Amino acid sequence: MAKSFKQMIKDGDLKRADAMKARLEDLYEEPGFNLRAEGEELEESIDALAEFIFAGGQIPALEVRPRAEGGMWVVDGHRRRRAYLKLDQAGRLPRVPSKDDPKRLEAWISIVPFEGNDAERVARVITSQEGKKLSPLELADGYKRLTAFGWTPDQIAKKVGKTRQHVEQVMTLGNANTDVQQLVASGQVSATTAVQVVRQHGENAGKVLGGELQKAKATGKSKVTAGSMRGPTTPRQQLEAIRAAAQEIFKALPEGCLNSSGPEVSLPTILLIKLQQAVSASKEAA
């Protein structure tokens, strides 16, 4: 059975001044709990956070819960814990002599107790406003975990302060096939575009996006967006010019000449030139 925070303070596992502190060695990362995807981007953000801490930057206390085997699980603050560990391994984190054994040096980290159940712990990670925001795919993982706890889209939306539409869009991405998620993770397709294509093409979304990526690269672009899928668009001003030129031509036509059996007609050359110029200008602007 996990010790209570009160018992930990009594046993000397925690310090309480204005806030509680725990030994760095007593803070653990629960396997599979953190929503963040491992990779170079995460490591770079931890390096930057470590430098910020070393330079005297102030960061929030870690939110923790008791661990049955001893110590505490980190609920919110996984990057902060890793940044502390990185500094400690490099000998850059201050340590003070232990009261029990002055020869042993200890690093004490500010913590606050987390109160809530398993689902609320996941929600806390999602709603954390500290540091690096979760990516769309990481967010999708969190929403799927809450769904597995029986939460409805409306409940999730209320808890995280988002709309139901937002939750459903993120869940669509979270349930998309691996090829779609890989394109989003690589930054080659925006999350919003991926969701739109999944809703339109279902299982074939990955193939559609792959084809769109090749077309985008052929035009010198590295990412698929809604704009690249639509292709070049004609500015409203140019469309108005074409419409005006066409209207002038229609006004110049004799009445009844548009019947299938109508006679051949001649038009002032200037009207056709105006239409040609408007069309050419629209192609240049697109």
Protein backbone atom coordinates (compact mmCIF):
# COMPACT_ATOMS: atom_id res chain seq x y z
CA MET A 1 0.00 0.00 0.00
CA ALA A 2 1.31 3.45 -0.91
CA LYS A 3 2.23 5.79 1.93
CA SER A 4 0.12 8.92 2.35
CA PHE A 5 1.81 12.29 1.92
CA LYS A 6 1.34 12.92 5.64
CA GLN A 7 3.19 9.70 6.46
CA MET A 8 5.97 10.54 4.01
CA ILE A 9 6.53 13.89 5.75
CA LYS A 10 6.58 12.14 9.14
CA ASP A 11 9.10 9.56 7.88
CA GLY A 12 11.34 12.24 6.40
CA ASP A 13 10.70 11.26 2.79
CA LEU A 14 9.24 14.70 2.13
CA LYS A 15 10.16 18.17 3.32
CA ARG A 16 7.56 20.82 4.01
CA ALA A 17 8.45 24.50 4.18
CA ASP A 18 6.22 26.81 2.17
CA ALA A 19 5.76 23.84 -0.15
CA MET A 20 6.57 20.16 -0.12
CA LYS A 21 9.80 18.86 -1.60
CA ALA A 22 10.88 15.35 -2.51
CA ARG A 23 14.24 13.79 -3.33
CA LEU A 24 14.86 13.60 -7.05
CA GLU A 25 15.53 9.87 -6.68
CA ASP A 26 12.04 9.38 -5.23
CA LEU A 27 10.28 10.78 -8.31
CA TYR A 28 9.31 8.16 -10.89
CA GLU A 29 7.80 8.21 -14.36
CA GLU A 30 5.01 5.65 -14.66
CA PRO A 31 5.60 3.44 -17.73
CA GLY A 32 3.11 4.15 -20.50
CA PHE A 33 1.44 7.06 -18.70
CA ASN A 34 3.09 10.06 -20.33
CA LEU A 35 1.31 11.16 -23.52
CA ARG A 36 4.38 12.65 -25.16
CA ALA A 37 5.95 10.78 -28.07
CA GLU A 38 9.62 9.92 -27.60
CA GLY A 39 11.98 11.37 -30.16
CA GLU A 40 14.48 14.05 -31.07
CA GLU A 41 11.96 16.88 -30.73
CA LEU A 42 11.14 15.88 -27.14
CA GLU A 43 14.81 15.55 -26.22
CA GLU A 44 15.57 18.99 -27.63
CA SER A 45 12.75 20.51 -25.59
CA ILE A 46 14.10 18.82 -22.43
CA ASP A 47 17.60 20.16 -23.15
CA ALA A 48 16.19 23.67 -23.53
CA LEU A 49 14.19 23.31 -20.31
CA ALA A 50 17.28 22.09 -18.44
CA GLU A 51 19.22 25.16 -19.55
CA PHE A 52 16.33 27.37 -18.48
CA ILE A 53 16.34 25.81 -15.01
CA PHE A 54 20.13 26.06 -14.72
CA ALA A 55 19.97 29.75 -15.61
CA GLY A 56 17.64 30.36 -12.68
CA GLY A 57 14.32 30.11 -14.50
CA GLN A 58 11.30 29.43 -12.32
CA ILE A 59 9.12 26.42 -13.12
CA PRO A 60 6.03 25.00 -11.38
CA ALA A 61 6.23 22.22 -8.83
CA LEU A 62 5.72 18.68 -10.09
CA GLU A 63 2.30 17.15 -9.41
CA VAL A 64 2.72 13.69 -7.93
CA ARG A 65 0.87 10.81 -6.32
CA PRO A 66 2.10 8.13 -3.91
CA ARG A 67 3.79 5.02 -5.35
CA ALA A 68 3.10 1.69 -3.66
CA GLU A 69 6.73 0.60 -3.97
CA GLY A 70 7.93 3.83 -2.38
CA GLY A 71 8.47 7.31 -3.69
CA MET A 72 6.00 9.06 -5.99
CA TRP A 73 4.68 8.82 -9.53
CA VAL A 74 4.81 12.04 -11.53
CA VAL A 75 1.35 13.01 -12.80
CA ASP A 76 2.24 16.35 -14.38
CA GLY A 77 5.83 17.42 -14.98
CA HIS A 78 7.51 14.60 -16.89
CA ARG A 79 9.67 16.98 -18.93
CA ARG A 80 10.62 18.90 -15.79
CA ARG A 81 11.69 15.69 -14.03
CA ARG A 82 13.82 14.65 -16.99
CA ALA A 83 15.37 18.11 -17.15
CA TYR A 84 16.33 17.85 -13.46
CA LEU A 85 17.81 14.39 -14.10
CA LYS A 86 19.81 15.70 -17.06
CA LEU A 87 21.24 18.53 -14.95
CA ASP A 88 21.98 16.14 -12.09
CA GLN A 89 23.80 13.68 -14.35
CA ALA A 90 25.96 16.56 -15.60
CA GLY A 91 26.72 17.69 -12.05
CA ARG A 92 24.84 20.95 -12.56
CA LEU A 93 22.00 20.44 -10.07
CA PRO A 94 22.61 21.69 -6.52
CA ARG A 95 22.70 19.00 -3.82
CA VAL A 96 22.76 19.46 -0.06
CA PRO A 97 24.04 17.13 2.69
CA SER A 98 21.47 14.69 4.05
CA LYS A 99 20.36 15.23 7.64
CA ASP A 100 20.71 11.49 8.26
CA ASP A 101 24.11 11.19 6.61
CA PRO A 102 25.99 14.44 5.85
CA LYS A 103 28.24 12.53 3.46
CA ARG A 104 25.24 11.80 1.24
CA LEU A 105 24.16 14.70 -0.97
CA GLU A 106 20.52 15.09 -1.90
CA ALA A 107 18.61 17.13 -4.49
CA TRP A 108 15.16 18.21 -3.31
CA ILE A 109 12.49 19.05 -5.89
CA SER A 110 9.31 21.06 -5.28
CA ILE A 111 6.13 18.99 -5.54
CA VAL A 112 2.40 19.27 -4.93
CA PRO A 113 0.04 16.35 -4.31
CA PHE A 114 -2.34 15.39 -7.10
CA GLU A 115 -5.84 14.43 -6.03
CA GLY A 116 -8.02 12.49 -8.45
CA ASN A 117 -8.62 9.10 -10.03
CA ASP A 118 -7.00 7.40 -13.02
CA ALA A 119 -9.13 9.21 -15.61
CA GLU A 120 -8.57 12.56 -13.94
CA ARG A 121 -4.82 11.97 -14.04
CA VAL A 122 -4.99 11.63 -17.83
CA ALA A 123 -7.16 14.74 -18.04
CA ARG A 124 -4.59 16.64 -15.97
CA VAL A 125 -1.83 15.86 -18.45
CA ILE A 126 -4.07 17.04 -21.31
CA THR A 127 -5.04 20.29 -19.62
CA SER A 128 -1.57 21.17 -18.32
CA GLN A 129 -0.73 24.70 -19.44
CA GLU A 130 2.95 24.46 -18.55
CA GLY A 131 5.67 24.19 -21.16
CA LYS A 132 5.46 22.45 -24.51
CA LYS A 133 1.94 21.80 -25.77
CA LEU A 134 0.83 18.33 -26.80
CA SER A 135 0.83 17.57 -30.51
CA PRO A 136 -2.49 16.63 -32.19
CA LEU A 137 -1.53 12.95 -32.13
CA GLU A 138 -0.51 13.10 -28.46
CA LEU A 139 -3.78 14.84 -27.69
CA ALA A 140 -5.65 12.15 -29.61
CA ASP A 141 -3.99 9.49 -27.46
CA GLY A 142 -5.19 11.30 -24.35
CA TYR A 143 -8.75 11.62 -25.61
CA LYS A 144 -8.80 7.93 -26.53
CA ARG A 145 -7.69 7.03 -23.01
CA LEU A 146 -10.51 9.11 -21.55
CA THR A 147 -12.95 7.43 -23.94
CA ALA A 148 -11.73 4.05 -22.68
CA PHE A 149 -12.66 5.23 -19.17
CA GLY A 150 -16.20 5.74 -20.46
CA TRP A 151 -16.08 9.49 -20.99
CA THR A 152 -18.29 10.91 -23.74
CA PRO A 153 -17.10 13.59 -26.21
CA ASP A 154 -19.21 16.12 -24.31
CA GLN A 155 -17.57 15.18 -20.99
CA ILE A 156 -14.10 15.41 -22.50
CA ALA A 157 -14.88 18.76 -24.12
CA LYS A 158 -16.12 20.20 -20.84
CA LYS A 159 -13.10 18.94 -18.89
CA VAL A 160 -10.46 20.22 -21.32
CA GLY A 161 -12.25 23.47 -22.14
CA LYS A 162 -12.78 22.71 -25.83
CA THR A 163 -15.79 22.23 -28.10
CA ARG A 164 -17.34 18.86 -28.88
CA GLN A 165 -16.40 19.45 -32.52
CA HIS A 166 -12.75 19.83 -31.55
CA VAL A 167 -12.82 16.58 -29.56
CA GLU A 168 -14.46 14.69 -32.44
CA GLN A 169 -11.90 16.03 -34.92
CA VAL A 170 -8.99 14.98 -32.72
CA MET A 171 -10.58 11.56 -32.19
CA THR A 172 -10.95 11.15 -35.96
CA LEU A 173 -7.20 11.66 -36.27
CA GLY A 174 -6.57 9.30 -33.37
CA ASN A 175 -8.57 6.55 -35.07
CA ALA A 176 -7.07 7.13 -38.52
CA ASN A 177 -4.87 4.48 -40.13
CA THR A 178 -1.16 4.40 -39.39
CA ASP A 179 -0.16 5.79 -42.79
CA VAL A 180 -2.23 8.92 -42.14
CA GLN A 181 -0.82 9.37 -38.64
CA GLN A 182 2.74 8.94 -39.91
CA LEU A 183 2.23 11.74 -42.44
CA VAL A 184 0.92 14.01 -39.68
CA ALA A 185 3.72 13.04 -37.27
CA SER A 186 6.35 13.83 -39.92
CA GLY A 187 4.83 17.27 -40.49
CA GLN A 188 4.08 16.51 -44.14
CA VAL A 189 0.32 16.81 -43.63
CA SER A 190 -1.46 19.18 -41.26
CA ALA A 191 -3.77 17.58 -38.71
CA THR A 192 -6.75 19.59 -39.96
CA THR A 193 -6.20 18.47 -43.55
CA ALA A 194 -5.76 14.85 -42.47
CA VAL A 195 -9.08 14.90 -40.61
CA GLN A 196 -10.90 16.34 -43.63
CA VAL A 197 -9.46 13.68 -45.95
CA VAL A 198 -10.20 10.84 -43.51
CA ARG A 199 -13.82 11.94 -43.30
CA GLN A 200 -14.10 12.11 -47.09
CA HIS A 201 -12.11 9.02 -48.09
CA GLY A 202 -12.07 6.73 -45.03
CA GLU A 203 -9.67 3.80 -45.48
CA ASN A 204 -8.22 5.34 -48.64
CA ALA A 205 -7.21 8.57 -46.90
CA GLY A 206 -3.55 7.55 -46.69
CA LYS A 207 -3.32 6.89 -50.43
CA VAL A 208 -5.08 10.16 -51.22
CA LEU A 209 -2.76 12.13 -48.95
CA GLY A 210 0.28 10.33 -50.35
CA GLY A 211 -0.74 11.35 -53.86
CA GLU A 212 -1.34 14.93 -52.75
CA LEU A 213 2.09 15.00 -51.12
CA GLN A 214 3.73 13.99 -54.40
CA LYS A 215 1.85 16.75 -56.21
CA ALA A 216 2.86 19.27 -53.56
CA LYS A 217 6.53 18.26 -53.85
CA ALA A 218 6.33 18.62 -57.63
CA THR A 219 5.46 22.28 -57.13
CA GLY A 220 8.27 22.85 -54.65
CA LYS A 221 6.21 22.45 -51.48
CA SER A 222 6.99 20.07 -48.65
CA LYS A 223 3.60 19.88 -46.95
CA VAL A 224 0.02 19.03 -47.90
CA THR A 225 -2.48 21.68 -46.87
CA ALA A 226 -6.08 22.42 -47.75
CA GLY A 227 -4.76 25.10 -50.09
CA SER A 228 -2.37 22.81 -51.93
CA MET A 229 -5.16 20.26 -52.43
CA ARG A 230 -7.48 22.88 -53.89
CA GLY A 231 -4.78 24.03 -56.27
CA PRO A 232 -4.37 27.59 -57.51
CA THR A 233 -7.38 29.85 -57.02
CA THR A 234 -8.43 32.91 -59.00
CA PRO A 235 -8.67 36.13 -56.97
CA ARG A 236 -12.16 37.58 -56.63
CA GLN A 237 -11.16 40.76 -58.48
CA GLN A 238 -10.10 38.75 -61.54
CA LEU A 239 -13.30 36.71 -61.48
CA GLU A 240 -15.33 39.92 -61.41
CA ALA A 241 -13.41 41.18 -64.45
CA ILE A 242 -14.22 38.00 -66.38
CA ARG A 243 -17.89 38.21 -65.37
CA ALA A 244 -18.11 41.86 -66.46
CA ALA A 245 -16.51 41.12 -69.84
CA ALA A 246 -18.88 38.21 -70.42
CA GLN A 247 -21.90 40.35 -69.53
CA GLU A 248 -20.86 42.95 -72.10
CA ILE A 249 -20.75 40.24 -74.75
CA PHE A 250 -24.22 38.95 -73.84
CA LYS A 251 -25.64 42.47 -73.98
CA ALA A 252 -24.23 42.92 -77.49
CA LEU A 253 -25.90 39.75 -78.80
CA PRO A 254 -29.13 40.16 -80.83
CA GLU A 255 -32.25 38.91 -79.06
CA GLY A 256 -33.00 35.25 -79.74
CA CYS A 257 -29.60 34.48 -81.23
CA LEU A 258 -28.78 31.91 -78.57
CA ASN A 259 -31.38 29.44 -79.85
CA SER A 260 -29.91 26.31 -81.35
CA SER A 261 -31.28 27.31 -84.74
CA GLY A 262 -30.28 30.97 -84.40
CA PRO A 263 -28.24 32.75 -87.06
CA GLU A 264 -24.51 33.37 -86.89
CA VAL A 265 -23.65 36.64 -85.19
CA SER A 266 -20.74 39.02 -85.26
CA LEU A 267 -19.36 40.81 -82.23
CA PRO A 268 -17.21 43.89 -81.74
CA THR A 269 -13.60 42.77 -81.52
CA ILE A 270 -13.03 44.99 -78.48
CA LEU A 271 -15.46 42.89 -76.41
CA LEU A 272 -13.59 39.69 -77.18
CA ILE A 273 -10.27 41.40 -76.42
CA LYS A 274 -11.59 42.48 -73.00
CA LEU A 275 -12.66 38.92 -72.22
CA GLN A 276 -9.32 37.53 -73.39
CA GLN A 277 -7.43 40.05 -71.24
CA ALA A 278 -9.52 39.24 -68.17
CA VAL A 279 -8.95 35.49 -68.59
CA SER A 280 -5.20 35.98 -69.14
CA ALA A 281 -4.94 38.18 -66.05
CA SER A 282 -6.69 35.53 -63.95
CA LYS A 283 -4.21 32.86 -65.08
CA GLU A 284 -1.28 35.08 -64.13
CA ALA A 285 -2.79 35.82 -60.71
CA ALA A 286 -3.56 32.18 -59.89
